[in-house]
Amino acid sequence: MVKCFIVMVSLLCPLSALAAGGTCPSGTYSIQGASGTLSALGVTNGCYFVSSSLGADTNTGTDEAHPWAHAPGMQGCSNNCSSATISAGTGIILYGGDTWGASSLGWLWAHSGSSSHPNYLGVDQTWYSSGVCGGSWCRPILNPAGSSMTGSYYIFLNNGSTAIWTTVDNFEETGWSCTAMESGGVTRTQTPVVKSTPSERTQATEPRKWQIRGYTIAW
């Protein structure tokens, strides 16, 4: 039996959605080698804002004053969070310094962007908890604290017809654990990794691209 808490890619069906996002942050971002505002980079379906400490899934989620508690695809996402439209060119912005625990994870992201309208899962470095971060922005945290998560993953980017052209930017994973019981009763523990440079993955049969930037995985 294998239990791994990692960023994964697999095949699942897309989720449906019902509304459009709000105005995205105006800072400078980097997506697939290009720099500019999110809207200039093709995130034109709007942004949704998420805070575990300030939010509620009954909020609109369309600005930083009315965030959801969960991102679409997180465990426990309900109400407006679960009915939102996530089409190509949508951004999901997490509040800096907030933590999402095992009850909110794994996070199944099952929505495609496109080469001209990528989806963005990331941050606004002007939006953060000063009580947690102090005087400067710090990353949102995915931390199951060693507990089992649904599906045993932090973020699940599936690689069928969905979740292509998606950028994951500036999250921290901690509380990481991965053990595998091999034949003969031998237990193997894998070590975490750190991804700090842009990367993308392409399948030859159909272009499917992911970019992971500034992303830390640790114990």
Protein backbone atom coordinates (compact mmCIF):
# COMPACT_ATOMS: atom_id res chain seq x y z
CA MET A 1 0.00 0.00 0.00
CA VAL A 2 1.42 3.37 -1.00
CA LYS A 3 0.62 6.71 0.61
CA CYS A 4 2.36 9.69 -0.95
CA PHE A 5 1.79 13.39 -0.32
CA ILE A 6 3.11 14.97 -3.51
CA VAL A 7 2.18 17.04 -6.55
CA MET A 8 0.75 14.48 -8.95
CA VAL A 9 -0.62 14.16 -12.48
CA SER A 10 -3.38 11.70 -13.45
CA LEU A 11 -6.54 11.23 -15.52
CA LEU A 12 -9.93 12.31 -14.16
CA CYS A 13 -13.06 14.01 -15.51
CA PRO A 14 -13.51 17.82 -15.60
CA LEU A 15 -15.66 19.63 -13.05
CA SER A 16 -18.55 21.85 -14.05
CA ALA A 17 -18.83 25.53 -13.11
CA LEU A 18 -21.31 28.39 -13.11
CA ALA A 19 -19.87 31.95 -12.70
CA ALA A 20 -16.99 34.31 -13.68
CA GLY A 21 -14.15 35.64 -11.57
CA GLY A 22 -13.34 39.16 -10.41
CA THR A 23 -10.51 41.54 -11.29
CA CYS A 24 -7.09 39.90 -11.04
CA PRO A 25 -4.13 41.45 -9.18
CA SER A 26 -2.16 44.04 -11.14
CA GLY A 27 1.36 42.92 -10.22
CA THR A 28 3.94 41.44 -12.58
CA TYR A 29 3.87 37.67 -13.07
CA SER A 30 5.74 35.13 -15.16
CA ILE A 31 3.87 32.43 -17.08
CA GLN A 32 5.51 30.11 -19.62
CA GLY A 33 8.48 32.44 -20.06
CA ALA A 34 6.48 35.66 -20.55
CA SER A 35 6.17 38.46 -17.96
CA GLY A 36 3.36 40.94 -17.35
CA THR A 37 0.08 41.31 -15.51
CA LEU A 38 -2.11 38.23 -15.28
CA SER A 39 -4.64 39.72 -17.69
CA ALA A 40 -1.90 40.58 -20.18
CA LEU A 41 -0.67 37.00 -19.95
CA GLY A 42 -4.12 35.64 -20.83
CA VAL A 43 -5.75 35.17 -17.42
CA THR A 44 -8.84 36.98 -18.69
CA ASN A 45 -11.67 34.94 -17.17
CA GLY A 46 -11.04 36.71 -13.87
CA CYS A 47 -9.62 35.66 -10.52
CA TYR A 48 -11.07 34.08 -7.39
CA PHE A 49 -9.59 34.80 -3.96
CA VAL A 50 -9.20 32.21 -1.20
CA SER A 51 -8.37 32.55 2.50
CA SER A 52 -8.70 29.82 5.12
CA SER A 53 -8.69 32.41 7.93
CA LEU A 54 -10.88 35.13 6.41
CA GLY A 55 -13.03 33.34 3.88
CA ALA A 56 -16.36 31.54 3.56
CA ASP A 57 -17.52 29.53 0.56
CA THR A 58 -20.79 31.48 0.64
CA ASN A 59 -18.85 34.65 -0.28
CA THR A 60 -18.56 35.74 -3.90
CA GLY A 61 -14.83 34.98 -3.98
CA THR A 62 -14.37 37.69 -6.59
CA ASP A 63 -12.24 40.09 -4.55
CA GLU A 64 -9.90 40.08 -1.59
CA ALA A 65 -12.61 41.47 0.71
CA HIS A 66 -14.92 38.50 0.03
CA PRO A 67 -12.74 35.40 -0.32
CA TRP A 68 -13.76 31.78 -0.24
CA ALA A 69 -12.37 29.47 2.44
CA HIS A 70 -11.44 26.84 -0.15
CA ALA A 71 -10.22 26.79 -3.72
CA PRO A 72 -12.28 24.85 -6.26
CA GLY A 73 -11.24 21.23 -6.07
CA MET A 74 -10.18 21.38 -2.42
CA GLN A 75 -11.96 19.04 -0.02
CA GLY A 76 -14.85 20.92 1.61
CA CYS A 77 -15.35 23.37 -1.26
CA SER A 78 -19.09 24.12 -1.34
CA ASN A 79 -21.70 26.74 -2.25
CA ASN A 80 -20.23 29.44 -4.52
CA CYS A 81 -16.83 27.78 -4.45
CA SER A 82 -18.17 24.55 -5.92
CA SER A 83 -20.43 26.25 -8.50
CA ALA A 84 -17.86 28.67 -9.94
CA THR A 85 -16.90 28.69 -13.59
CA ILE A 86 -13.30 27.64 -14.08
CA SER A 87 -12.69 28.02 -17.77
CA ALA A 88 -9.46 28.78 -19.63
CA GLY A 89 -7.85 31.95 -18.31
CA THR A 90 -8.97 31.72 -14.66
CA GLY A 91 -6.80 32.68 -11.68
CA ILE A 92 -7.00 31.34 -8.13
CA ILE A 93 -5.27 33.61 -5.57
CA LEU A 94 -4.42 32.26 -2.09
CA TYR A 95 -3.90 34.53 0.94
CA GLY A 96 -0.27 34.71 2.01
CA GLY A 97 0.44 33.10 5.38
CA ASP A 98 -2.77 31.07 5.53
CA THR A 99 -2.66 27.31 6.04
CA TRP A 100 -4.92 24.62 4.58
CA GLY A 101 -4.83 21.37 6.57
CA ALA A 102 -5.62 17.73 5.87
CA SER A 103 -9.40 18.33 5.84
CA SER A 104 -8.98 20.62 2.81
CA LEU A 105 -6.53 18.38 0.96
CA GLY A 106 -5.88 16.83 -1.54
CA TRP A 107 -6.67 19.60 -3.92
CA LEU A 108 -7.96 18.20 -7.22
CA TRP A 109 -7.41 20.73 -9.99
CA ALA A 110 -9.29 19.44 -13.03
CA HIS A 111 -9.58 22.50 -15.30
CA SER A 112 -7.80 23.27 -18.55
CA GLY A 113 -6.21 26.48 -19.63
CA SER A 114 -4.88 27.00 -23.13
CA SER A 115 -1.67 28.32 -24.67
CA SER A 116 -3.21 31.80 -24.99
CA HIS A 117 -5.36 31.64 -21.83
CA PRO A 118 -3.56 29.65 -19.12
CA ASN A 119 -4.98 29.01 -15.68
CA TYR A 120 -3.04 30.35 -12.70
CA LEU A 121 -2.92 28.95 -9.15
CA GLY A 122 -0.90 31.37 -7.09
CA VAL A 123 -0.62 34.52 -5.05
CA ASP A 124 -0.86 38.29 -4.81
CA GLN A 125 2.25 39.38 -2.91
CA THR A 126 0.42 42.45 -1.61
CA TRP A 127 -2.30 40.28 0.01
CA TYR A 128 -1.10 38.48 3.11
CA SER A 129 -1.57 38.09 6.87
CA SER A 130 0.73 40.51 8.67
CA GLY A 131 0.07 38.56 11.88
CA VAL A 132 1.65 35.47 10.31
CA CYS A 133 4.06 36.94 7.78
CA GLY A 134 5.16 40.11 9.57
CA GLY A 135 5.96 43.11 7.42
CA SER A 136 6.41 41.29 4.11
CA TRP A 137 4.55 38.66 2.12
CA CYS A 138 4.99 34.95 2.84
CA ARG A 139 3.67 31.91 1.02
CA PRO A 140 0.32 30.20 1.59
CA ILE A 141 0.88 26.78 3.15
CA LEU A 142 -0.59 23.34 2.44
CA ASN A 143 0.02 21.38 5.64
CA PRO A 144 -1.71 18.10 6.51
CA ALA A 145 0.61 17.84 9.57
CA GLY A 146 1.37 14.22 8.78
CA SER A 147 -2.30 13.20 8.57
CA SER A 148 -3.82 11.28 5.67
CA MET A 149 -5.40 13.38 2.93
CA THR A 150 -8.09 12.43 0.44
CA GLY A 151 -6.23 10.82 -2.44
CA SER A 152 -2.91 11.27 -0.57
CA TYR A 153 -1.80 14.32 -2.56
CA TYR A 154 -1.40 18.04 -2.00
CA ILE A 155 -2.34 19.24 -5.49
CA PHE A 156 -3.51 16.82 -8.16
CA LEU A 157 -3.10 18.11 -11.73
CA ASN A 158 -4.74 15.52 -13.92
CA ASN A 159 -3.35 14.86 -17.37
CA GLY A 160 -6.26 13.61 -19.40
CA SER A 161 -8.19 16.23 -21.36
CA THR A 162 -8.09 18.60 -18.37
CA ALA A 163 -5.65 20.61 -16.21
CA ILE A 164 -3.37 21.45 -19.11
CA TRP A 165 -1.73 24.89 -19.42
CA THR A 166 -1.81 25.53 -15.67
CA THR A 167 0.79 27.47 -13.66
CA VAL A 168 1.27 26.66 -9.95
CA ASP A 169 3.09 29.54 -8.28
CA ASN A 170 4.60 30.17 -4.84
CA PHE A 171 2.92 27.70 -2.47
CA GLU A 172 4.62 25.89 0.38
CA GLU A 173 3.96 22.24 1.18
CA THR A 174 4.89 20.98 4.63
CA GLY A 175 3.80 18.19 6.97
CA TRP A 176 4.99 15.95 4.14
CA SER A 177 5.12 12.17 4.53
CA CYS A 178 5.51 9.34 2.07
CA THR A 179 5.93 5.69 2.98
CA ALA A 180 5.56 2.58 0.87
CA MET A 181 5.18 -0.97 2.13
CA GLU A 182 7.09 -3.14 -0.30
CA SER A 183 7.00 -6.92 -0.71
CA GLY A 184 8.55 -8.74 2.21
CA GLY A 185 7.34 -6.16 4.69
CA VAL A 186 10.10 -3.63 4.00
CA THR A 187 9.04 -0.02 4.64
CA ARG A 188 10.62 2.63 2.43
CA THR A 189 10.39 6.36 3.19
CA GLN A 190 10.95 8.85 0.37
CA THR A 191 12.47 12.27 0.93
CA PRO A 192 10.82 15.57 -0.10
CA VAL A 193 12.05 17.72 -2.96
CA VAL A 194 12.26 21.44 -3.62
CA LYS A 195 11.24 22.95 -6.96
CA SER A 196 12.51 26.51 -7.24
CA THR A 197 12.95 26.97 -10.99
CA PRO A 198 10.31 27.00 -13.77
CA SER A 199 9.54 23.64 -15.32
CA GLU A 200 7.00 22.37 -17.80
CA ARG A 201 5.88 18.99 -18.98
CA THR A 202 4.71 18.13 -22.49
CA GLN A 203 3.18 14.92 -23.79
CA ALA A 204 3.92 14.21 -27.44
CA THR A 205 0.44 12.99 -28.37
CA GLU A 206 -1.27 16.21 -27.29
CA PRO A 207 0.49 19.30 -25.90
CA ARG A 208 -0.22 19.49 -22.16
CA LYS A 209 1.83 21.95 -20.21
CA TRP A 210 2.30 22.64 -16.52
CA GLN A 211 4.62 25.18 -14.93
CA ILE A 212 5.64 25.00 -11.27
CA ARG A 213 7.40 28.10 -9.94
CA GLY A 214 8.84 29.04 -6.55
CA TYR A 215 7.28 25.97 -4.99
CA THR A 216 8.68 24.37 -1.84
CA ILE A 217 8.03 20.85 -0.55
CA ALA A 218 9.43 20.04 2.90
CA TRP A 219 8.89 17.97 6.03
